[in-house]
PDB file of N, CA and C in Angstrom:
ATOM      1  N   MET A   1      -0.104 -31.361  11.335  1.00  0.00           N
ATOM      2  CA  MET A   1       0.236 -30.484  12.471  1.00  0.00           C
ATOM      3  C   MET A   1      -0.469 -29.134  12.309  1.00  0.00           C
ATOM      4  N   HIS A   2      -1.194 -28.742  13.361  1.00  0.00           N
ATOM      5  CA  HIS A   2      -1.883 -27.453  13.294  1.00  0.00           C
ATOM      6  C   HIS A   2      -0.929 -26.333  13.697  1.00  0.00           C
ATOM      7  N   PRO A   3      -0.935 -25.224  13.001  1.00  0.00           N
ATOM      8  CA  PRO A   3      -0.110 -24.083  13.424  1.00  0.00           C
ATOM      9  C   PRO A   3      -0.664 -23.511  14.724  1.00  0.00           C
ATOM     10  N   THR A   4       0.224 -23.067  15.594  1.00  0.00           N
ATOM     11  CA  THR A   4      -0.234 -22.532  16.877  1.00  0.00           C
ATOM     12  C   THR A   4      -0.950 -21.205  16.652  1.00  0.00           C
ATOM     13  N   ILE A   5      -1.704 -20.792  17.651  1.00  0.00           N
ATOM     14  CA  ILE A   5      -2.440 -19.523  17.530  1.00  0.00           C
ATOM     15  C   ILE A   5      -1.449 -18.382  17.324  1.00  0.00           C
ATOM     16  N   GLN A   6      -0.307 -18.460  18.015  1.00  0.00           N
ATOM     17  CA  GLN A   6       0.694 -17.393  17.890  1.00  0.00           C
ATOM     18  C   GLN A   6       1.172 -17.283  16.437  1.00  0.00           C
ATOM     19  N   GLU A   7       1.483 -18.429  15.825  1.00  0.00           N
ATOM     20  CA  GLU A   7       1.962 -18.399  14.440  1.00  0.00           C
ATOM     21  C   GLU A   7       0.881 -17.844  13.518  1.00  0.00           C
ATOM     22  N   ALA A   8      -0.366 -18.268  13.755  1.00  0.00           N
ATOM     23  CA  ALA A   8      -1.460 -17.806  12.903  1.00  0.00           C
ATOM     24  C   ALA A   8      -1.621 -16.294  13.019  1.00  0.00           C
ATOM     25  N   SER A   9      -1.579 -15.775  14.255  1.00  0.00           N
ATOM     26  CA  SER A   9      -1.740 -14.335  14.437  1.00  0.00           C
ATOM     27  C   SER A   9      -0.571 -13.597  13.786  1.00  0.00           C
ATOM     28  N   LYS A  10       0.623 -14.182  13.892  1.00  0.00           N
ATOM     29  CA  LYS A  10       1.794 -13.550  13.278  1.00  0.00           C
ATOM     30  C   LYS A  10       1.595 -13.464  11.764  1.00  0.00           C
ATOM     31  N   ARG A  11       1.071 -14.556  11.184  1.00  0.00           N
ATOM     32  CA  ARG A  11       0.876 -14.586   9.744  1.00  0.00           C
ATOM     33  C   ARG A  11      -0.137 -13.514   9.320  1.00  0.00           C
ATOM     34  N   THR A  12      -1.235 -13.391  10.075  1.00  0.00           N
ATOM     35  CA  THR A  12      -2.242 -12.391   9.712  1.00  0.00           C
ATOM     36  C   THR A  12      -1.659 -10.993   9.869  1.00  0.00           C
ATOM     37  N   LEU A  13      -0.848 -10.795  10.904  1.00  0.00           N
ATOM     38  CA  LEU A  13      -0.250  -9.482  11.124  1.00  0.00           C
ATOM     39  C   LEU A  13       0.632  -9.109   9.930  1.00  0.00           C
ATOM     40  N   VAL A  14       1.431 -10.062   9.465  1.00  0.00           N
ATOM     41  CA  VAL A  14       2.296  -9.796   8.311  1.00  0.00           C
ATOM     42  C   VAL A  14       1.439  -9.463   7.091  1.00  0.00           C
ATOM     43  N   GLY A  15       0.352 -10.214   6.915  1.00  0.00           N
ATOM     44  CA  GLY A  15      -0.523  -9.953   5.776  1.00  0.00           C
ATOM     45  C   GLY A  15      -1.115  -8.558   5.847  1.00  0.00           C
ATOM     46  N   GLU A  16      -1.543  -8.151   7.051  1.00  0.00           N
ATOM     47  CA  GLU A  16      -2.114  -6.811   7.193  1.00  0.00           C
ATOM     48  C   GLU A  16      -1.061  -5.756   6.902  1.00  0.00           C
ATOM     49  N   LYS A  17       0.152  -5.983   7.385  1.00  0.00           N
ATOM     50  CA  LYS A  17       1.231  -5.019   7.140  1.00  0.00           C
ATOM     51  C   LYS A  17       1.458  -4.861   5.636  1.00  0.00           C
ATOM     52  N   GLN A  18       1.544  -5.980   4.924  1.00  0.00           N
ATOM     53  CA  GLN A  18       1.754  -5.909   3.478  1.00  0.00           C
ATOM     54  C   GLN A  18       0.600  -5.167   2.813  1.00  0.00           C
ATOM     55  N   ASP A  19      -0.635  -5.426   3.279  1.00  0.00           N
ATOM     56  CA  ASP A  19      -1.807  -4.790   2.688  1.00  0.00           C
ATOM     57  C   ASP A  19      -1.744  -3.277   2.878  1.00  0.00           C
ATOM     58  N   THR A  20      -1.397  -2.842   4.099  1.00  0.00           N
ATOM     59  CA  THR A  20      -1.351  -1.405   4.353  1.00  0.00           C
ATOM     60  C   THR A  20      -0.233  -0.764   3.535  1.00  0.00           C
ATOM     61  N   SER A  21       0.916  -1.426   3.448  1.00  0.00           N
ATOM     62  CA  SER A  21       2.021  -0.857   2.674  1.00  0.00           C
ATOM     63  C   SER A  21       1.621  -0.752   1.208  1.00  0.00           C
ATOM     64  N   HIS A  22       0.896  -1.746   0.703  1.00  0.00           N
ATOM     65  CA  HIS A  22       0.447  -1.711  -0.688  1.00  0.00           C
ATOM     66  C   HIS A  22      -0.502  -0.538  -0.887  1.00  0.00           C
ATOM     67  N   ARG A  23      -1.436  -0.366   0.063  1.00  0.00           N
ATOM     68  CA  ARG A  23      -2.394   0.730  -0.058  1.00  0.00           C
ATOM     69  C   ARG A  23      -1.656   2.063  -0.033  1.00  0.00           C
ATOM     70  N   HIS A  24      -0.650   2.176   0.857  1.00  0.00           N
ATOM     71  CA  HIS A  24       0.115   3.417   0.970  1.00  0.00           C
ATOM     72  C   HIS A  24       0.839   3.710  -0.346  1.00  0.00           C
ATOM     73  N   ARG A  25       1.408   2.662  -0.949  1.00  0.00           N
ATOM     74  CA  ARG A  25       2.117   2.839  -2.212  1.00  0.00           C
ATOM     75  C   ARG A  25       1.150   3.336  -3.285  1.00  0.00           C
ATOM     76  N   GLN A  26      -0.040   2.724  -3.331  1.00  0.00           N
ATOM     77  CA  GLN A  26      -1.029   3.138  -4.328  1.00  0.00           C
ATOM     78  C   GLN A  26      -1.385   4.607  -4.138  1.00  0.00           C
ATOM     79  N   ARG A  27      -1.551   5.034  -2.864  1.00  0.00           N
ATOM     80  CA  ARG A  27      -1.914   6.419  -2.601  1.00  0.00           C
ATOM     81  C   ARG A  27      -0.800   7.350  -3.081  1.00  0.00           C
ATOM     82  N   GLN A  28       0.464   6.986  -2.817  1.00  0.00           N
ATOM     83  CA  GLN A  28       1.584   7.836  -3.241  1.00  0.00           C
ATOM     84  C   GLN A  28       1.644   7.916  -4.764  1.00  0.00           C
ATOM     85  N   ILE A  29       1.404   6.782  -5.435  1.00  0.00           N
ATOM     86  CA  ILE A  29       1.432   6.780  -6.899  1.00  0.00           C
ATOM     87  C   ILE A  29       0.341   7.705  -7.427  1.00  0.00           C
ATOM     88  N   ARG A  30      -0.851   7.622  -6.810  1.00  0.00           N
ATOM     89  CA  ARG A  30      -1.958   8.453  -7.261  1.00  0.00           C
ATOM     90  C   ARG A  30      -1.618   9.930  -7.071  1.00  0.00           C
ATOM     91  N   LYS A  31      -0.992  10.253  -5.920  1.00  0.00           N
ATOM     92  CA  LYS A  31      -0.640  11.642  -5.638  1.00  0.00           C
ATOM     93  C   LYS A  31       0.368  12.140  -6.671  1.00  0.00           C
ATOM     94  N   ALA A  32       1.377  11.332  -6.965  1.00  0.00           N
ATOM     95  CA  ALA A  32       2.386  11.719  -7.948  1.00  0.00           C
ATOM     96  C   ALA A  32       1.742  11.910  -9.315  1.00  0.00           C
ATOM     97  N   ASP A  33       0.799  11.037  -9.662  1.00  0.00           N
ATOM     98  CA  ASP A  33       0.127  11.143 -10.951  1.00  0.00           C
ATOM     99  C   ASP A  33      -0.653  12.449 -11.025  1.00  0.00           C
ATOM    100  N   ARG A  34      -1.316  12.806  -9.914  1.00  0.00           N
ATOM    101  CA  ARG A  34      -2.100  14.036  -9.899  1.00  0.00           C
ATOM    102  C   ARG A  34      -1.171  15.240 -10.086  1.00  0.00           C
ATOM    103  N   GLN A  35      -0.024  15.240  -9.403  1.00  0.00           N
ATOM    104  CA  GLN A  35       0.932  16.339  -9.565  1.00  0.00           C
ATOM    105  C   GLN A  35       1.415  16.412 -11.011  1.00  0.00           C
ATOM    106  N   HIS A  36       1.656  15.264 -11.615  1.00  0.00           N
ATOM    107  CA  HIS A  36       2.146  15.222 -12.990  1.00  0.00           C
ATOM    108  C   HIS A  36       1.121  15.851 -13.927  1.00  0.00           C
ATOM    109  N   THR A  37      -0.152  15.493 -13.766  1.00  0.00           N
ATOM    110  CA  THR A  37      -1.185  16.049 -14.644  1.00  0.00           C
ATOM    111  C   THR A  37      -1.285  17.552 -14.430  1.00  0.00           C
ATOM    112  N   ARG A  38      -1.149  18.006 -13.183  1.00  0.00           N
ATOM    113  CA  ARG A  38      -1.230  19.436 -12.909  1.00  0.00           C
ATOM    114  C   ARG A  38      -0.099  20.169 -13.635  1.00  0.00           C
ATOM    115  N   GLU A  39       1.112  19.601 -13.605  1.00  0.00           N
ATOM    116  CA  GLU A  39       2.239  20.245 -14.287  1.00  0.00           C
ATOM    117  C   GLU A  39       2.009  20.278 -15.790  1.00  0.00           C
ATOM    118  N   ARG A  40       1.425  19.217 -16.323  1.00  0.00           N
ATOM    119  CA  ARG A  40       1.180  19.159 -17.756  1.00  0.00           C
ATOM    120  C   ARG A  40       0.170  20.251 -18.154  1.00  0.00           C
ATOM    121  N   LYS A  41      -0.862  20.440 -17.313  1.00  0.00           N
ATOM    122  CA  LYS A  41      -1.851  21.480 -17.606  1.00  0.00           C
ATOM    123  C   LYS A  41      -1.184  22.852 -17.600  1.00  0.00           C
ATOM    124  N   ARG A  42      -0.249  23.060 -16.659  1.00  0.00           N
ATOM    125  CA  ARG A  42       0.418  24.348 -16.555  1.00  0.00           C
ATOM    126  C   ARG A  42       1.254  24.618 -17.818  1.00  0.00           C
ATOM    127  N   GLN A  43       1.825  23.572 -18.405  1.00  0.00           N
ATOM    128  CA  GLN A  43       2.670  23.765 -19.591  1.00  0.00           C
ATOM    129  C   GLN A  43       1.851  24.220 -20.793  1.00  0.00           C
ATOM    130  N   LYS A  44       0.603  23.758 -20.894  1.00  0.00           N
ATOM    131  CA  LYS A  44      -0.203  24.072 -22.080  1.00  0.00           C
ATOM    132  C   LYS A  44      -0.511  25.552 -22.191  1.00  0.00           C
TER     133      LYS A  44
END
């Protein structure tokens, strides 16, 4: 049984959503890491 076009598009949409959320999480982690290093430099 072939999945309908609607189901296929839904699946790709979900995949894109997960991808963007993952990218957003990575960006937030990087930002937090940068702030952490800045605070560490200030302590020295």
